[in-house]
Amino acid sequence: MDIAIHDAIWEYPDKTSVGPIDLTVEDGEFVVLTGPSGCGKTTVTRMINGIIPHLLEGRLEGEVQLNGADTISMKTYDITSTVASVFQNPKTQFFTTNTTAEILFPAENLGMGINEMKARLDAVVNRFGIGHLMDRSIFALSGGQKQLICLAACCITDVPCVVLDEPTSNLDIDTIERIGAILAELKQAGKTIVVSEHRLDWLSSLADRVIVMRDGQVERAFVGDEFKSLSSVQLHDMGLRGADPPVPRISARSEDERGGLVIEELDCGYGKKPLLHIRDLMFLRGKVTAVVGGNGQGKTTLGKALCGLVKPIRLKVTMDGSPVRRRWQRDSCYMILQDVNAQLFTSSVEKEILLSNGACDPQEYLAVVGLENKHEEHPLSLSGGERQRLAIAAALAAKRDVLVADEPTSGMDYLNMRRVAAAMRRYADAGRIVVLITHDRELIEACADEIVVVEDGEVHQT
């Protein structure tokens, strides 16, 4: 399927605009959109899948064409029969509460027969290796597992074009490799694929072209081989993530380092099924500890247990050698959630900081994350990466003893990832405890002192 965008400008209701954009994607081409957070990548994906102008308020100028047909005049049914989408936040595209029903929904919506739907379901479940996730509640899944369900639903209809917005932001390394293999199959089958992404290492061998956007426009374009020849240093100079996955270097713990938060016993789960069994796990003051592991292994549950946000089966925790109670956890711990939309409450960016600390200067914390010029904007008008940075700024302003951040850089470009890494480093250097639940190897390399691996409900500390 051919995509043609000519002099397209999208103006949001608050009068901010993206464009003009000129971009063509040929039938069967694999194109990657990248660039700083807020540069317009998501807006381009919304132009292609018809969300702009059919489902969002605003004004579109210029032309967006799919196989020569203008999307303004196309019916949304015709667009969804042509383009399948995976959004940046999986929650925003769920229609059901059951994983199997969710994958089947796009096929059912297009009027497929029941036998064909069953055959397609079996095929996509086998392709993704997600049999263990079938017939489960959407709400019981991890963030990465939710993304897998969205990807599977995207592939079940066999449409000619697939558009993905940050599809790997919450996925572990093994799952990213699996998704890369699936997209390689789709490319081989002649699908037109557009991926908006910050993490570029897994895409370098797939992309026919890489489009770099900045300030709402196309800044540069690279053909696949040209892009693969760029070093990580060259990519960093453009504000992009490196193409080569880094290897974190972790310092050894000295024998006299004992102050901090110690989980002596933790058994935790949902319902009657225990998920975590942890004994003698220490998070040191003045250190940044990265918590890593596969999707659905219990990393987020561990973070919530540290902050008193889930009720454990058994919990014994000490801080600097003294036992702590759940009230202390609520007063002294702060968690940045994986879905930051769930913790943005006010009508402006500045008020969001003041909600955490009414006595602070909001601009001080907004400057740390590069949002000082957005202080009057509504939090939900920000891009996904900007919302993450706002949640981080609010957490820093709260000045709690323990800061737990769940995938804090999942939708973030290189420069802002470095900003966040530096902020976490300074926060820990002030004698506090920082716990980063993350798949982001560049973030780990930039600021982590220790790594905790969560696997099958147990932990290994390095």
Protein backbone atom coordinates (compact mmCIF):
# COMPACT_ATOMS: atom_id res chain seq x y z
CA MET A 1 0.00 0.00 0.00
CA ASP A 2 1.30 3.46 -0.95
CA ILE A 3 1.17 6.31 1.57
CA ALA A 4 1.52 9.94 0.50
CA ILE A 5 1.52 12.93 2.88
CA HIS A 6 1.77 16.35 1.18
CA ASP A 7 2.10 19.67 3.05
CA ALA A 8 0.10 18.23 5.94
CA ILE A 9 -0.39 20.42 9.01
CA TRP A 10 -2.39 19.28 12.01
CA GLU A 11 -3.57 21.92 14.44
CA TYR A 12 -4.71 20.74 17.88
CA PRO A 13 -7.56 22.49 19.73
CA ASP A 14 -5.03 24.40 21.89
CA LYS A 15 -3.61 25.84 18.62
CA THR A 16 -0.32 23.95 18.79
CA SER A 17 0.45 22.44 15.42
CA VAL A 18 2.60 19.78 13.74
CA GLY A 19 3.90 20.24 10.21
CA PRO A 20 4.12 20.90 7.39
CA ILE A 21 4.96 17.27 6.71
CA ASP A 22 5.92 15.76 3.37
CA LEU A 23 6.44 12.02 3.41
CA THR A 24 5.86 9.13 1.02
CA VAL A 25 6.01 5.43 1.80
CA GLU A 26 6.03 2.99 -1.09
CA ASP A 27 4.13 -0.27 -1.23
CA GLY A 28 5.99 -2.91 0.80
CA GLU A 29 8.44 -0.44 2.30
CA PHE A 30 9.57 -0.60 5.95
CA VAL A 31 9.95 2.95 7.30
CA VAL A 32 11.09 3.98 10.78
CA LEU A 33 10.13 7.37 12.25
CA THR A 34 12.41 8.63 14.99
CA GLY A 35 13.40 11.88 16.66
CA PRO A 36 13.09 13.71 19.99
CA SER A 37 9.98 13.31 22.15
CA GLY A 38 7.24 15.64 20.93
CA CYS A 39 8.69 15.98 17.42
CA GLY A 40 5.50 14.76 15.71
CA LYS A 41 6.09 11.01 15.19
CA THR A 42 2.82 9.97 16.81
CA THR A 43 0.93 12.64 14.85
CA VAL A 44 2.23 11.13 11.60
CA THR A 45 1.07 7.65 12.63
CA ARG A 46 -2.36 9.11 13.45
CA MET A 47 -2.53 10.69 10.01
CA ILE A 48 -1.84 7.32 8.38
CA ASN A 49 -4.34 5.30 10.42
CA GLY A 50 -7.12 7.90 10.12
CA ILE A 51 -7.32 8.90 13.77
CA ILE A 52 -6.45 12.28 12.30
CA PRO A 53 -8.84 13.77 11.28
CA HIS A 54 -11.71 11.35 12.01
CA LEU A 55 -11.36 10.76 15.77
CA LEU A 56 -9.35 13.69 17.14
CA GLU A 57 -10.51 17.27 17.45
CA GLY A 58 -8.44 19.67 15.41
CA ARG A 59 -7.88 20.93 11.88
CA LEU A 60 -6.01 19.17 9.07
CA GLU A 61 -4.52 21.02 6.12
CA GLY A 62 -2.85 19.38 3.15
CA GLU A 63 -3.31 15.82 1.92
CA VAL A 64 -2.95 12.35 3.40
CA GLN A 65 -3.54 9.59 0.84
CA LEU A 66 -3.70 5.80 1.07
CA ASN A 67 -3.36 4.21 -2.36
CA GLY A 68 -4.41 7.52 -3.87
CA ALA A 69 -7.55 7.93 -1.74
CA ASP A 70 -7.73 10.95 0.57
CA THR A 71 -8.24 9.88 4.19
CA ILE A 72 -10.58 12.83 4.80
CA SER A 73 -13.10 11.40 2.37
CA MET A 74 -12.53 7.74 3.31
CA LYS A 75 -14.82 6.00 5.78
CA THR A 76 -13.13 4.86 8.99
CA TYR A 77 -14.25 1.30 8.16
CA ASP A 78 -12.30 1.45 4.90
CA ILE A 79 -9.21 2.79 6.66
CA THR A 80 -9.25 0.08 9.36
CA SER A 81 -9.66 -2.52 6.60
CA THR A 82 -6.39 -1.22 5.16
CA VAL A 83 -4.30 -0.11 8.16
CA ALA A 84 -3.78 -1.93 11.47
CA SER A 85 -2.37 0.04 14.39
CA VAL A 86 -0.53 -0.53 17.64
CA PHE A 87 -0.66 2.51 19.93
CA GLN A 88 1.99 3.80 22.31
CA ASN A 89 -0.20 3.07 25.34
CA PRO A 90 -1.90 -0.36 25.04
CA LYS A 91 -4.72 0.65 27.39
CA THR A 92 -6.01 3.21 24.92
CA GLN A 93 -6.94 0.58 22.33
CA PHE A 94 -8.45 -2.23 24.41
CA PHE A 95 -12.13 -2.95 23.73
CA THR A 96 -12.59 -6.03 25.93
CA THR A 97 -11.37 -7.35 29.27
CA ASN A 98 -10.33 -10.80 28.01
CA THR A 99 -7.10 -11.44 26.09
CA THR A 100 -8.57 -13.93 23.59
CA ALA A 101 -11.55 -11.69 22.87
CA GLU A 102 -9.22 -8.73 22.43
CA ILE A 103 -7.16 -10.44 19.75
CA LEU A 104 -10.30 -11.59 17.96
CA PHE A 105 -12.01 -8.20 18.09
CA PRO A 106 -10.48 -6.68 14.90
CA ALA A 107 -11.34 -9.80 12.88
CA GLU A 108 -14.87 -9.87 14.28
CA ASN A 109 -15.22 -6.16 13.59
CA LEU A 110 -14.43 -6.81 9.90
CA GLY A 111 -17.12 -9.50 9.73
CA MET A 112 -14.96 -12.62 9.40
CA GLY A 113 -16.57 -16.03 9.79
CA ILE A 114 -16.06 -17.94 13.02
CA ASN A 115 -13.97 -20.71 11.46
CA GLU A 116 -11.64 -18.23 9.80
CA MET A 117 -11.29 -16.29 13.05
CA LYS A 118 -10.38 -19.46 14.96
CA ALA A 119 -7.76 -20.39 12.36
CA ARG A 120 -6.27 -16.90 12.42
CA LEU A 121 -6.27 -16.87 16.23
CA ASP A 122 -4.35 -20.17 16.39
CA ALA A 123 -1.85 -18.88 13.84
CA VAL A 124 -1.15 -15.57 15.57
CA VAL A 125 -0.96 -17.16 19.04
CA ASN A 126 1.62 -19.65 17.77
CA ARG A 127 3.56 -16.95 15.94
CA PHE A 128 3.79 -14.77 19.04
CA GLY A 129 4.23 -17.63 21.51
CA ILE A 130 1.48 -16.27 23.76
CA GLY A 131 -0.58 -19.38 24.45
CA HIS A 132 -0.02 -18.85 28.18
CA LEU A 133 -1.70 -15.43 27.95
CA MET A 134 -4.96 -16.66 26.41
CA ASP A 135 -8.30 -16.41 28.24
CA ARG A 136 -6.85 -14.15 30.89
CA SER A 137 -8.00 -10.83 32.26
CA ILE A 138 -6.40 -7.85 30.53
CA PHE A 139 -6.03 -6.24 33.95
CA ALA A 140 -3.85 -9.10 35.24
CA LEU A 141 -1.18 -8.59 32.56
CA SER A 142 2.08 -6.69 32.84
CA GLY A 143 2.65 -3.66 30.63
CA GLY A 144 4.80 -5.66 28.23
CA GLN A 145 2.24 -8.47 28.02
CA LYS A 146 -0.46 -5.93 27.16
CA GLN A 147 1.68 -4.70 24.28
CA LEU A 148 2.03 -8.27 23.01
CA ILE A 149 -1.75 -8.67 22.98
CA CYS A 150 -2.09 -5.43 20.99
CA LEU A 151 0.50 -6.61 18.48
CA ALA A 152 -1.24 -9.95 18.07
CA ALA A 153 -4.59 -8.20 17.49
CA CYS A 154 -2.88 -5.98 14.94
CA CYS A 155 -1.66 -8.99 12.95
CA ILE A 156 -4.84 -11.10 12.95
CA THR A 157 -6.60 -9.20 10.14
CA ASP A 158 -3.78 -9.53 7.56
CA VAL A 159 -4.23 -5.93 6.32
CA PRO A 160 -1.71 -4.49 3.80
CA CYS A 161 -0.32 -1.80 6.14
CA VAL A 162 0.78 -1.94 9.78
CA VAL A 163 1.54 1.19 11.83
CA LEU A 164 3.23 0.83 15.21
CA ASP A 165 3.87 3.62 17.73
CA GLU A 166 6.65 2.73 20.19
CA PRO A 167 5.81 -1.01 20.06
CA THR A 168 8.76 -2.17 22.19
CA SER A 169 8.75 0.52 24.87
CA ASN A 170 7.90 -1.94 27.68
CA LEU A 171 9.24 -5.19 26.24
CA ASP A 172 12.16 -7.30 27.40
CA ILE A 173 15.05 -8.16 25.08
CA ASP A 174 13.81 -11.65 24.17
CA THR A 175 10.35 -10.36 23.29
CA ILE A 176 11.80 -7.51 21.22
CA GLU A 177 13.77 -10.06 19.20
CA ARG A 178 10.57 -12.07 18.72
CA ILE A 179 8.70 -8.96 17.54
CA GLY A 180 11.55 -8.15 15.18
CA ALA A 181 11.28 -11.61 13.66
CA ILE A 182 7.52 -11.22 13.21
CA LEU A 183 7.93 -7.84 11.52
CA ALA A 184 10.58 -9.38 9.28
CA GLU A 185 7.99 -11.98 8.24
CA LEU A 186 5.44 -9.25 7.54
CA LYS A 187 8.00 -7.35 5.48
CA GLN A 188 8.83 -10.50 3.51
CA ALA A 189 5.10 -10.92 2.86
CA GLY A 190 5.02 -7.49 1.22
CA LYS A 191 3.32 -5.50 3.99
CA THR A 192 3.87 -1.75 4.22
CA ILE A 193 5.21 -1.08 7.72
CA VAL A 194 5.67 2.24 9.55
CA VAL A 195 7.23 2.16 13.02
CA SER A 196 7.62 5.17 15.32
CA GLU A 197 10.43 4.28 17.70
CA HIS A 198 13.26 5.56 19.88
CA ARG A 199 14.99 2.22 20.44
CA LEU A 200 16.78 1.71 17.14
CA ASP A 201 19.14 -1.22 17.68
CA TRP A 202 16.49 -3.86 16.86
CA LEU A 203 15.34 -2.02 13.72
CA SER A 204 18.60 -1.35 11.89
CA SER A 205 18.43 -4.58 9.88
CA LEU A 206 14.71 -4.15 9.05
CA ALA A 207 14.43 -0.53 7.95
CA ASP A 208 14.42 0.42 4.28
CA ARG A 209 14.44 4.06 5.37
CA VAL A 210 14.80 5.93 8.65
CA ILE A 211 13.08 9.32 8.86
CA VAL A 212 14.39 11.71 11.53
CA MET A 213 11.81 14.29 12.66
CA ARG A 214 12.29 17.47 14.64
CA ASP A 215 9.89 20.29 15.57
CA GLY A 216 7.02 18.74 13.64
CA GLN A 217 8.85 18.31 10.34
CA VAL A 218 11.04 15.80 8.53
CA GLU A 219 14.62 16.83 9.22
CA ARG A 220 16.64 14.03 7.60
CA ALA A 221 16.11 10.73 5.81
CA PHE A 222 18.49 7.77 5.58
CA VAL A 223 18.24 4.66 3.45
CA GLY A 224 18.72 1.44 5.38
CA ASP A 225 22.38 0.78 4.55
CA GLU A 226 23.29 4.43 5.17
CA PHE A 227 21.64 4.31 8.57
CA LYS A 228 23.34 1.05 9.53
CA SER A 229 26.72 2.64 8.80
CA LEU A 230 26.17 5.35 11.44
CA SER A 231 27.97 4.86 14.74
CA SER A 232 26.26 5.27 18.10
CA VAL A 233 28.27 8.47 18.60
CA GLN A 234 26.88 9.92 15.37
CA LEU A 235 23.35 8.94 16.38
CA HIS A 236 23.83 10.46 19.84
CA ASP A 237 24.99 13.71 18.22
CA MET A 238 21.59 13.82 16.47
CA GLY A 239 19.80 13.18 19.77
CA LEU A 240 18.98 9.57 18.83
CA ARG A 241 19.39 6.29 20.67
CA GLY A 242 22.41 4.20 19.73
CA ALA A 243 22.18 1.40 17.18
CA ASP A 244 24.40 -0.92 19.23
CA PRO A 245 22.98 -2.16 22.55
CA PRO A 246 25.31 -1.13 25.39
CA VAL A 247 26.73 -3.43 28.03
CA PRO A 248 26.17 -1.93 31.51
CA ARG A 249 29.21 -1.76 33.77
CA ILE A 250 28.25 -2.26 37.41
CA SER A 251 30.51 -1.36 40.31
CA ALA A 252 31.21 -3.90 43.03
CA ARG A 253 29.59 -3.41 46.42
CA SER A 254 32.00 -2.75 49.29
CA GLU A 255 31.68 -4.75 52.49
CA ASP A 256 30.80 -1.73 54.65
CA GLU A 257 27.78 -0.73 52.57
CA ARG A 258 24.84 -1.91 54.66
CA GLY A 259 22.55 1.12 55.18
CA GLY A 260 19.33 1.08 53.25
CA LEU A 261 16.08 -0.75 52.63
CA VAL A 262 16.20 -4.50 53.21
CA ILE A 263 13.46 -6.93 52.27
CA GLU A 264 13.98 -9.78 54.71
CA GLU A 265 10.82 -11.61 53.62
CA LEU A 266 8.35 -10.91 50.84
CA ASP A 267 5.69 -13.25 49.49
CA CYS A 268 3.33 -11.44 47.17
CA GLY A 269 0.77 -12.28 44.52
CA TYR A 270 -2.66 -11.58 43.11
CA GLY A 271 -5.53 -13.66 44.44
CA LYS A 272 -4.37 -17.01 45.80
CA LYS A 273 -1.49 -17.37 43.35
CA PRO A 274 1.86 -16.22 44.81
CA LEU A 275 4.06 -14.37 42.33
CA LEU A 276 7.10 -13.22 44.32
CA HIS A 277 9.21 -15.10 46.86
CA ILE A 278 12.02 -12.78 48.00
CA ARG A 279 14.48 -13.15 50.85
CA ASP A 280 17.31 -10.82 51.91
CA LEU A 281 17.22 -8.21 49.15
CA MET A 282 18.96 -4.90 49.88
CA PHE A 283 18.56 -1.51 48.21
CA LEU A 284 21.40 0.74 49.37
CA ARG A 285 21.26 4.43 50.19
CA GLY A 286 23.14 6.51 47.65
CA LYS A 287 22.77 3.84 44.97
CA VAL A 288 20.71 3.41 41.82
CA THR A 289 19.52 -0.19 41.52
CA ALA A 290 18.16 -1.45 38.21
CA VAL A 291 15.51 -4.19 38.41
CA VAL A 292 15.46 -6.23 35.20
CA GLY A 293 13.85 -9.43 33.93
CA GLY A 294 11.33 -10.75 31.45
CA ASN A 295 7.80 -9.45 31.03
CA GLY A 296 5.40 -10.75 33.67
CA GLN A 297 8.15 -11.93 36.05
CA GLY A 298 7.04 -9.68 38.93
CA LYS A 299 9.17 -6.54 38.59
CA THR A 300 6.26 -4.11 38.88
CA THR A 301 4.77 -6.12 41.75
CA LEU A 302 8.10 -5.83 43.57
CA GLY A 303 8.07 -2.06 43.09
CA LYS A 304 4.49 -1.77 44.34
CA ALA A 305 5.30 -3.94 47.35
CA LEU A 306 8.23 -1.64 48.23
CA CYS A 307 5.88 1.37 48.17
CA GLY A 308 2.99 -0.31 49.99
CA LEU A 309 0.72 -0.21 46.93
CA VAL A 310 -0.15 -3.91 47.07
CA LYS A 311 -1.02 -6.04 50.06
CA PRO A 312 1.53 -8.84 50.35
CA ILE A 313 0.94 -12.30 51.74
CA ARG A 314 4.01 -11.85 53.94
CA LEU A 315 6.30 -8.83 54.32
CA LYS A 316 9.20 -8.02 56.63
CA VAL A 317 11.15 -4.88 55.72
CA THR A 318 13.76 -2.81 57.57
CA MET A 319 15.16 0.63 56.84
CA ASP A 320 18.63 1.35 58.16
CA GLY A 321 18.16 -1.61 60.49
CA SER A 322 14.78 -0.59 61.93
CA PRO A 323 11.50 -2.38 61.07
CA VAL A 324 9.10 -0.37 58.94
CA ARG A 325 5.34 -0.39 58.71
CA ARG A 326 3.04 0.19 55.77
CA ARG A 327 2.39 3.79 56.85
CA TRP A 328 6.12 4.49 56.60
CA GLN A 329 6.09 3.05 53.09
CA ARG A 330 3.27 5.37 52.04
CA ASP A 331 4.97 8.42 53.60
CA SER A 332 8.57 7.72 52.57
CA CYS A 333 8.28 5.94 49.19
CA TYR A 334 7.23 7.29 45.80
CA MET A 335 6.47 5.23 42.71
CA ILE A 336 6.42 6.49 39.13
CA LEU A 337 3.94 4.18 37.45
CA GLN A 338 4.49 2.53 34.09
CA ASP A 339 1.31 4.25 32.85
CA VAL A 340 1.92 7.80 34.05
CA ASN A 341 -1.54 8.88 32.85
CA ALA A 342 -2.85 7.28 36.04
CA GLN A 343 -0.96 9.78 38.21
CA LEU A 344 -1.41 13.09 36.40
CA PHE A 345 -4.23 14.91 38.15
CA THR A 346 -4.11 18.68 37.65
CA SER A 347 -4.91 21.17 34.90
CA SER A 348 -1.35 22.38 34.25
CA VAL A 349 2.21 21.11 34.23
CA GLU A 350 3.20 23.58 36.96
CA LYS A 351 0.33 22.56 39.24
CA GLU A 352 1.40 18.92 38.88
CA ILE A 353 4.73 19.77 40.53
CA LEU A 354 3.06 21.82 43.26
CA LEU A 355 0.77 18.90 44.05
CA SER A 356 3.89 16.93 45.05
CA ASN A 357 5.50 19.79 46.94
CA GLY A 358 3.55 23.00 47.46
CA ALA A 359 6.59 24.80 48.86
CA CYS A 360 8.92 24.24 45.92
CA ASP A 361 9.73 26.27 42.83
CA PRO A 362 8.16 24.22 40.00
CA GLN A 363 10.51 25.67 37.39
CA GLU A 364 13.50 24.17 39.20
CA TYR A 365 12.18 20.64 38.68
CA LEU A 366 10.72 21.24 35.23
CA ALA A 367 14.13 22.50 34.07
CA VAL A 368 15.70 19.22 35.19
CA VAL A 369 13.55 17.31 32.69
CA GLY A 370 13.44 19.95 29.96
CA LEU A 371 9.82 21.06 30.45
CA GLU A 372 10.40 24.57 31.76
CA ASN A 373 8.69 26.10 28.71
CA LYS A 374 5.59 23.92 29.11
CA HIS A 375 4.58 25.00 32.61
CA GLU A 376 1.17 26.36 31.57
CA GLU A 377 0.15 23.42 29.35
CA HIS A 378 -2.32 20.73 30.37
CA PRO A 379 -0.47 17.48 31.24
CA LEU A 380 -2.62 15.42 28.88
CA SER A 381 -1.71 17.71 25.96
CA LEU A 382 1.91 16.57 26.22
CA SER A 383 3.48 13.76 24.20
CA GLY A 384 3.98 10.37 25.84
CA GLY A 385 7.66 11.04 26.58
CA GLU A 386 6.88 14.50 27.95
CA ARG A 387 4.26 13.06 30.30
CA GLN A 388 6.85 10.61 31.59
CA ARG A 389 9.28 13.44 32.26
CA LEU A 390 6.57 15.41 34.06
CA ALA A 391 5.84 12.44 36.33
CA ILE A 392 9.57 12.15 37.02
CA ALA A 393 9.81 15.86 37.88
CA ALA A 394 6.86 15.51 40.27
CA ALA A 395 8.57 12.54 41.92
CA LEU A 396 11.83 14.46 42.35
CA ALA A 397 9.94 17.37 43.91
CA ALA A 398 8.36 15.05 46.50
CA LYS A 399 11.84 14.27 47.94
CA ARG A 400 10.91 10.86 49.36
CA ASP A 401 13.57 8.55 50.82
CA VAL A 402 12.81 5.81 48.29
CA LEU A 403 12.02 6.47 44.63
CA VAL A 404 10.77 3.57 42.48
CA ALA A 405 10.45 4.28 38.75
CA ASP A 406 8.70 1.71 36.54
CA GLU A 407 9.95 1.97 32.93
CA PRO A 408 10.67 5.72 33.30
CA THR A 409 12.31 6.08 29.85
CA SER A 410 10.20 3.72 27.74
CA GLY A 411 9.09 6.41 25.28
CA MET A 412 12.09 8.69 25.56
CA ASP A 413 14.73 9.91 23.12
CA TYR A 414 18.46 9.81 23.87
CA LEU A 415 18.96 13.35 25.20
CA ASN A 416 16.00 13.15 27.54
CA MET A 417 17.03 9.68 28.68
CA ARG A 418 20.41 11.20 29.64
CA ARG A 419 18.58 13.97 31.50
CA VAL A 420 16.58 11.43 33.46
CA ALA A 421 19.69 9.33 34.17
CA ALA A 422 21.51 12.39 35.52
CA ALA A 423 18.52 13.33 37.68
CA MET A 424 18.31 9.82 39.15
CA ARG A 425 22.04 9.87 39.78
CA ARG A 426 21.80 13.18 41.68
CA TYR A 427 18.78 11.95 43.64
CA ALA A 428 20.70 8.89 44.83
CA ASP A 429 23.86 10.90 45.54
CA ALA A 430 21.82 12.92 48.04
CA GLY A 431 21.61 9.78 50.20
CA ARG A 432 18.34 8.43 48.90
CA ILE A 433 17.42 5.08 47.35
CA VAL A 434 16.54 4.85 43.64
CA VAL A 435 15.04 1.69 42.13
CA LEU A 436 14.67 1.61 38.33
CA ILE A 437 12.43 -1.10 36.87
CA THR A 438 13.58 -1.05 33.29
CA HIS A 439 14.45 -2.82 30.04
CA ASP A 440 16.44 0.23 28.90
CA ARG A 441 20.07 -0.87 28.69
CA GLU A 442 21.25 2.64 27.85
CA LEU A 443 19.62 3.97 31.03
CA ILE A 444 21.24 1.20 33.09
CA GLU A 445 24.63 1.97 31.57
CA ALA A 446 24.19 5.69 32.26
CA CYS A 447 23.32 5.61 35.96
CA ALA A 448 22.91 2.19 37.63
CA ASP A 449 25.19 0.95 40.41
CA GLU A 450 23.61 -2.47 40.86
CA ILE A 451 21.33 -4.85 38.99
CA VAL A 452 18.61 -7.06 40.45
CA VAL A 453 17.31 -9.78 38.13
CA VAL A 454 13.74 -10.99 38.72
CA GLU A 455 13.10 -14.44 37.31
CA ASP A 456 10.25 -16.82 38.12
CA GLY A 457 9.33 -14.79 41.19
CA GLU A 458 12.82 -14.82 42.72
CA VAL A 459 15.69 -12.36 42.59
CA HIS A 460 19.42 -12.43 41.92
CA GLN A 461 21.48 -9.40 42.91
CA THR A 462 24.74 -8.28 41.24
